[in-house]
Amino acid sequence: MNYDWMALIVFFVTLVGLTKAGRLLAFRSEALQGMRSLNREADRKKLARKRFRRVVDANNRVGLIANLIFYATVLPFCVTLDIRPLWRNAVDILIVLMVFDFFYYFTHRFLFHGPALRKIHALHHQARTPTYADAFYVHPVETIIGLVLFLGTIPLVAWIEGGPLNAIAMAIAMLLFTQLNTLNHTWVNLPRFPFKTLSRITAIHAAHHVDMNRGNYSTLSTLYDWMFGTLEAPSVRADP
């Protein structure tokens, strides 16, 4: 595999463009605007606390540095601008996300909730009824591990498939990874239609935050919790 800097640029532009476009389209909905306002109000109080703000800032810096290093040194070897069928790109996106979630499930269950890193992960679990900002209230060590698992999945899948993956498809996979990990912490009180799935995602992760002994260890789906017997019922969210 060769270093494809053009594919890197397309990946980055696609990721930024889809993120901005998605936000503009999503918040045309009055229900989502209301949800954002409620989370911002709750988060404003949390971010006013110096300790909370320091953790969020440190986490964001570590995440940015880790992403930039990966983008500059590894990703260009793993992505390509070769045109492929849409079904192939969709399958690659799904494989990357589900392989990552498989690794994350066991890391979360046995490392973050095990004796090794339980105290570090307990920082994040201080949020019993999480809101948007709590997605970033994470110890930097945990952030690095999570990013290494996801970012490392891309070259792993490329190696297994015998060649680089489509740059736009991987940008979509990265977007889904970041947004789902954020959304599952967001406080929502939305109409059942058309927000049933979004509400269920947050309610499932809310159950995990009730205490340190819950299930729901996957972060992108419920598949592995269902397979390994740790799927917990969704939790009714209290006001933020």
Protein backbone atom coordinates (compact mmCIF):
# COMPACT_ATOMS: atom_id res chain seq x y z
CA MET A 1 0.00 0.00 0.00
CA ASN A 2 1.27 3.46 -0.94
CA TYR A 3 1.04 6.80 0.87
CA ASP A 4 -1.94 8.47 -0.88
CA TRP A 5 -2.01 12.10 0.22
CA MET A 6 -4.85 12.95 -2.16
CA ALA A 7 -7.03 10.29 -0.54
CA LEU A 8 -6.13 11.79 2.85
CA ILE A 9 -7.30 15.23 1.72
CA VAL A 10 -10.56 13.82 0.35
CA PHE A 11 -11.10 11.92 3.61
CA PHE A 12 -10.59 15.05 5.71
CA VAL A 13 -12.70 17.34 3.50
CA THR A 14 -15.50 14.76 3.41
CA LEU A 15 -15.43 14.31 7.18
CA VAL A 16 -15.55 18.05 7.89
CA GLY A 17 -18.13 18.72 5.19
CA LEU A 18 -20.51 15.95 6.25
CA THR A 19 -20.20 16.96 9.90
CA LYS A 20 -21.15 20.57 9.17
CA ALA A 21 -23.90 19.63 6.72
CA GLY A 22 -25.35 17.09 9.14
CA ARG A 23 -25.56 19.65 11.92
CA LEU A 24 -27.24 22.21 9.68
CA LEU A 25 -29.83 19.71 8.47
CA ALA A 26 -30.46 18.08 11.86
CA PHE A 27 -31.10 21.32 13.69
CA ARG A 28 -33.72 22.45 11.25
CA SER A 29 -35.93 20.26 13.42
CA GLU A 30 -37.57 22.19 16.25
CA ALA A 31 -37.50 19.09 18.45
CA LEU A 32 -33.74 18.74 18.02
CA GLN A 33 -33.26 22.45 18.59
CA GLY A 34 -35.07 22.08 21.90
CA MET A 35 -32.94 19.07 22.81
CA ARG A 36 -29.78 21.05 22.05
CA SER A 37 -30.95 23.96 24.20
CA LEU A 38 -31.63 21.68 27.19
CA ASN A 39 -28.21 20.05 26.89
CA ARG A 40 -26.44 23.39 26.50
CA GLU A 41 -28.12 24.74 29.63
CA ALA A 42 -27.09 21.68 31.66
CA ASP A 43 -23.59 21.67 30.17
CA ARG A 44 -23.06 25.35 30.90
CA LYS A 45 -23.26 24.64 34.62
CA LYS A 46 -20.88 21.68 34.36
CA LEU A 47 -18.33 23.55 32.24
CA ALA A 48 -18.36 26.41 34.74
CA ARG A 49 -16.62 24.05 37.18
CA LYS A 50 -12.86 24.34 36.67
CA ARG A 51 -12.16 20.64 37.24
CA PHE A 52 -14.82 19.56 34.74
CA ARG A 53 -13.53 22.04 32.17
CA ARG A 54 -9.91 20.92 32.66
CA VAL A 55 -10.82 17.28 32.04
CA VAL A 56 -12.84 18.15 28.91
CA ASP A 57 -10.06 20.37 27.54
CA ALA A 58 -7.38 17.73 28.22
CA ASN A 59 -9.51 15.05 26.62
CA ASN A 60 -10.13 17.18 23.52
CA ARG A 61 -6.43 17.99 23.15
CA VAL A 62 -5.40 14.36 23.45
CA GLY A 63 -8.08 13.31 20.97
CA LEU A 64 -7.06 15.98 18.45
CA ILE A 65 -3.36 15.10 18.67
CA ALA A 66 -4.02 11.36 18.36
CA ASN A 67 -6.25 11.88 15.32
CA LEU A 68 -3.81 14.21 13.58
CA ILE A 69 -0.89 11.82 14.12
CA PHE A 70 -2.92 8.93 12.72
CA TYR A 71 -4.14 11.01 9.75
CA ALA A 72 -0.60 12.06 8.88
CA THR A 73 1.25 8.80 9.40
CA VAL A 74 -1.08 5.81 8.99
CA LEU A 75 -4.34 6.70 7.27
CA PRO A 76 -2.85 7.62 3.84
CA PHE A 77 -1.59 4.03 3.53
CA CYS A 78 -5.08 2.67 4.25
CA VAL A 79 -7.37 4.75 1.98
CA THR A 80 -7.76 5.15 -1.74
CA LEU A 81 -9.75 7.15 -4.29
CA ASP A 82 -10.42 4.07 -6.41
CA ILE A 83 -14.08 3.89 -7.36
CA ARG A 84 -15.91 0.90 -5.91
CA PRO A 85 -19.55 -0.25 -5.91
CA LEU A 86 -21.72 1.44 -3.30
CA TRP A 87 -22.52 -1.92 -1.71
CA ARG A 88 -18.81 -2.61 -1.19
CA ASN A 89 -18.29 0.75 0.50
CA ALA A 90 -21.35 0.18 2.70
CA VAL A 91 -20.05 -3.24 3.72
CA ASP A 92 -16.60 -1.81 4.52
CA ILE A 93 -18.18 0.87 6.72
CA LEU A 94 -20.22 -1.74 8.57
CA ILE A 95 -17.22 -4.07 9.00
CA VAL A 96 -15.00 -1.31 10.42
CA LEU A 97 -17.67 -0.18 12.88
CA MET A 98 -18.58 -3.68 14.04
CA VAL A 99 -14.99 -4.92 14.33
CA PHE A 100 -14.20 -1.86 16.45
CA ASP A 101 -17.29 -2.41 18.60
CA PHE A 102 -16.24 -6.04 19.14
CA PHE A 103 -12.85 -4.95 20.47
CA TYR A 104 -14.38 -2.10 22.46
CA TYR A 105 -16.95 -4.36 24.11
CA PHE A 106 -14.27 -6.53 25.73
CA THR A 107 -12.03 -3.55 26.51
CA HIS A 108 -14.90 -1.73 28.19
CA ARG A 109 -16.17 -4.77 30.08
CA PHE A 110 -12.92 -6.26 31.32
CA LEU A 111 -10.46 -3.34 31.31
CA PHE A 112 -12.49 -0.21 32.07
CA HIS A 113 -14.81 -2.08 34.43
CA GLY A 114 -12.13 -4.47 35.63
CA PRO A 115 -9.50 -3.88 38.28
CA ALA A 116 -6.92 -2.41 35.87
CA LEU A 117 -8.68 0.81 34.82
CA ARG A 118 -11.84 0.89 36.89
CA LYS A 119 -10.71 3.99 38.82
CA ILE A 120 -9.85 5.81 35.61
CA HIS A 121 -13.19 4.93 34.05
CA ALA A 122 -14.99 5.97 37.24
CA LEU A 123 -14.27 9.59 36.27
CA HIS A 124 -16.61 9.24 33.31
CA HIS A 125 -19.19 7.42 35.43
CA GLN A 126 -19.57 10.42 37.71
CA ALA A 127 -22.29 11.38 35.24
CA ARG A 128 -25.33 9.39 36.40
CA THR A 129 -27.68 11.23 34.00
CA PRO A 130 -25.26 12.29 31.26
CA THR A 131 -25.70 15.20 28.89
CA TYR A 132 -23.77 16.20 25.78
CA ALA A 133 -20.63 17.45 27.55
CA ASP A 134 -20.26 14.19 29.50
CA ALA A 135 -19.24 12.46 26.27
CA PHE A 136 -16.00 14.45 26.58
CA TYR A 137 -15.61 14.13 30.36
CA VAL A 138 -13.25 11.20 30.01
CA HIS A 139 -9.77 10.50 31.32
CA PRO A 140 -7.17 11.00 28.53
CA VAL A 141 -5.92 7.42 28.99
CA GLU A 142 -9.39 6.13 28.18
CA THR A 143 -9.62 8.48 25.19
CA ILE A 144 -6.33 7.19 23.77
CA ILE A 145 -7.39 3.56 24.18
CA GLY A 146 -10.74 4.15 22.49
CA LEU A 147 -9.17 6.02 19.58
CA VAL A 148 -6.43 3.43 19.11
CA LEU A 149 -9.08 0.71 18.95
CA PHE A 150 -11.12 2.54 16.32
CA LEU A 151 -8.31 4.04 14.27
CA GLY A 152 -6.39 0.76 14.41
CA THR A 153 -9.41 -1.07 13.01
CA ILE A 154 -9.09 0.77 9.67
CA PRO A 155 -5.59 -0.54 8.78
CA LEU A 156 -6.53 -3.94 10.22
CA VAL A 157 -9.53 -4.28 7.90
CA ALA A 158 -7.50 -2.90 4.97
CA TRP A 159 -4.81 -5.53 5.64
CA ILE A 160 -7.37 -8.33 5.88
CA GLU A 161 -9.00 -7.23 2.62
CA GLY A 162 -5.63 -6.95 0.92
CA GLY A 163 -5.75 -3.27 0.00
CA PRO A 164 -6.77 0.25 1.03
CA LEU A 165 -10.39 1.20 1.70
CA ASN A 166 -12.33 3.97 0.01
CA ALA A 167 -11.50 7.36 1.54
CA ILE A 168 -15.08 8.67 1.48
CA ALA A 169 -16.41 5.46 3.02
CA MET A 170 -13.88 5.71 5.85
CA ALA A 171 -14.81 9.36 6.42
CA ILE A 172 -18.42 8.23 6.83
CA ALA A 173 -17.30 5.48 9.24
CA MET A 174 -15.33 8.05 11.27
CA LEU A 175 -18.35 10.38 11.31
CA LEU A 176 -20.65 7.61 12.56
CA PHE A 177 -18.12 6.60 15.21
CA THR A 178 -17.76 10.12 16.61
CA GLN A 179 -21.42 11.07 16.40
CA LEU A 180 -22.80 7.87 17.93
CA ASN A 181 -20.32 8.07 20.81
CA THR A 182 -21.51 11.62 21.46
CA LEU A 183 -25.22 11.09 20.91
CA ASN A 184 -25.45 8.16 23.28
CA HIS A 185 -24.64 10.56 26.14
CA THR A 186 -27.04 13.29 25.07
CA TRP A 187 -30.18 13.95 27.09
CA VAL A 188 -33.24 13.63 24.87
CA ASN A 189 -36.96 14.08 25.30
CA LEU A 190 -38.17 13.70 21.74
CA PRO A 191 -41.38 12.63 19.99
CA ARG A 192 -41.55 8.90 19.34
CA PHE A 193 -41.76 9.58 15.60
CA PRO A 194 -39.31 9.95 13.95
CA PHE A 195 -36.87 9.85 16.87
CA LYS A 196 -37.56 6.40 18.32
CA THR A 197 -34.11 5.03 17.44
CA LEU A 198 -32.25 8.08 18.76
CA SER A 199 -34.17 7.94 22.03
CA ARG A 200 -33.43 4.22 22.41
CA ILE A 201 -29.70 4.73 21.80
CA THR A 202 -29.46 7.27 24.61
CA ALA A 203 -31.71 5.27 26.94
CA ILE A 204 -29.57 2.14 26.54
CA HIS A 205 -26.37 4.00 27.38
CA ALA A 206 -28.14 5.84 30.21
CA ALA A 207 -28.72 2.45 31.85
CA HIS A 208 -24.97 1.85 31.73
CA HIS A 209 -24.35 5.12 33.58
CA VAL A 210 -26.66 4.28 36.49
CA ASP A 211 -23.75 2.60 38.28
CA MET A 212 -20.46 0.82 37.59
CA ASN A 213 -22.01 -2.66 37.59
CA ARG A 214 -24.39 -2.40 34.66
CA GLY A 215 -24.11 -4.05 31.27
CA ASN A 216 -24.46 -2.35 27.86
CA TYR A 217 -20.71 -2.27 27.28
CA SER A 218 -20.86 -1.83 23.51
CA THR A 219 -20.83 1.74 22.27
CA LEU A 220 -22.17 1.56 18.70
CA SER A 221 -24.71 -1.27 18.84
CA THR A 222 -26.34 -3.77 21.19
CA LEU A 223 -25.19 -6.84 19.24
CA TYR A 224 -22.31 -7.93 21.47
CA ASP A 225 -24.17 -7.22 24.70
CA TRP A 226 -26.96 -9.43 23.36
CA MET A 227 -24.51 -12.15 22.29
CA PHE A 228 -22.64 -12.24 25.60
CA GLY A 229 -25.57 -11.78 27.96
CA THR A 230 -24.91 -8.24 29.21
CA LEU A 231 -27.77 -6.41 27.50
CA GLU A 232 -29.65 -4.26 30.02
CA ALA A 233 -33.07 -2.67 29.53
CA PRO A 234 -33.09 1.01 28.53
CA SER A 235 -33.24 3.47 31.39
CA VAL A 236 -35.83 6.24 31.68
CA ARG A 237 -33.88 9.47 31.63
CA ALA A 238 -34.34 12.02 34.37
CA ASP A 239 -34.19 15.74 33.63
CA PRO A 240 -30.61 16.93 33.05
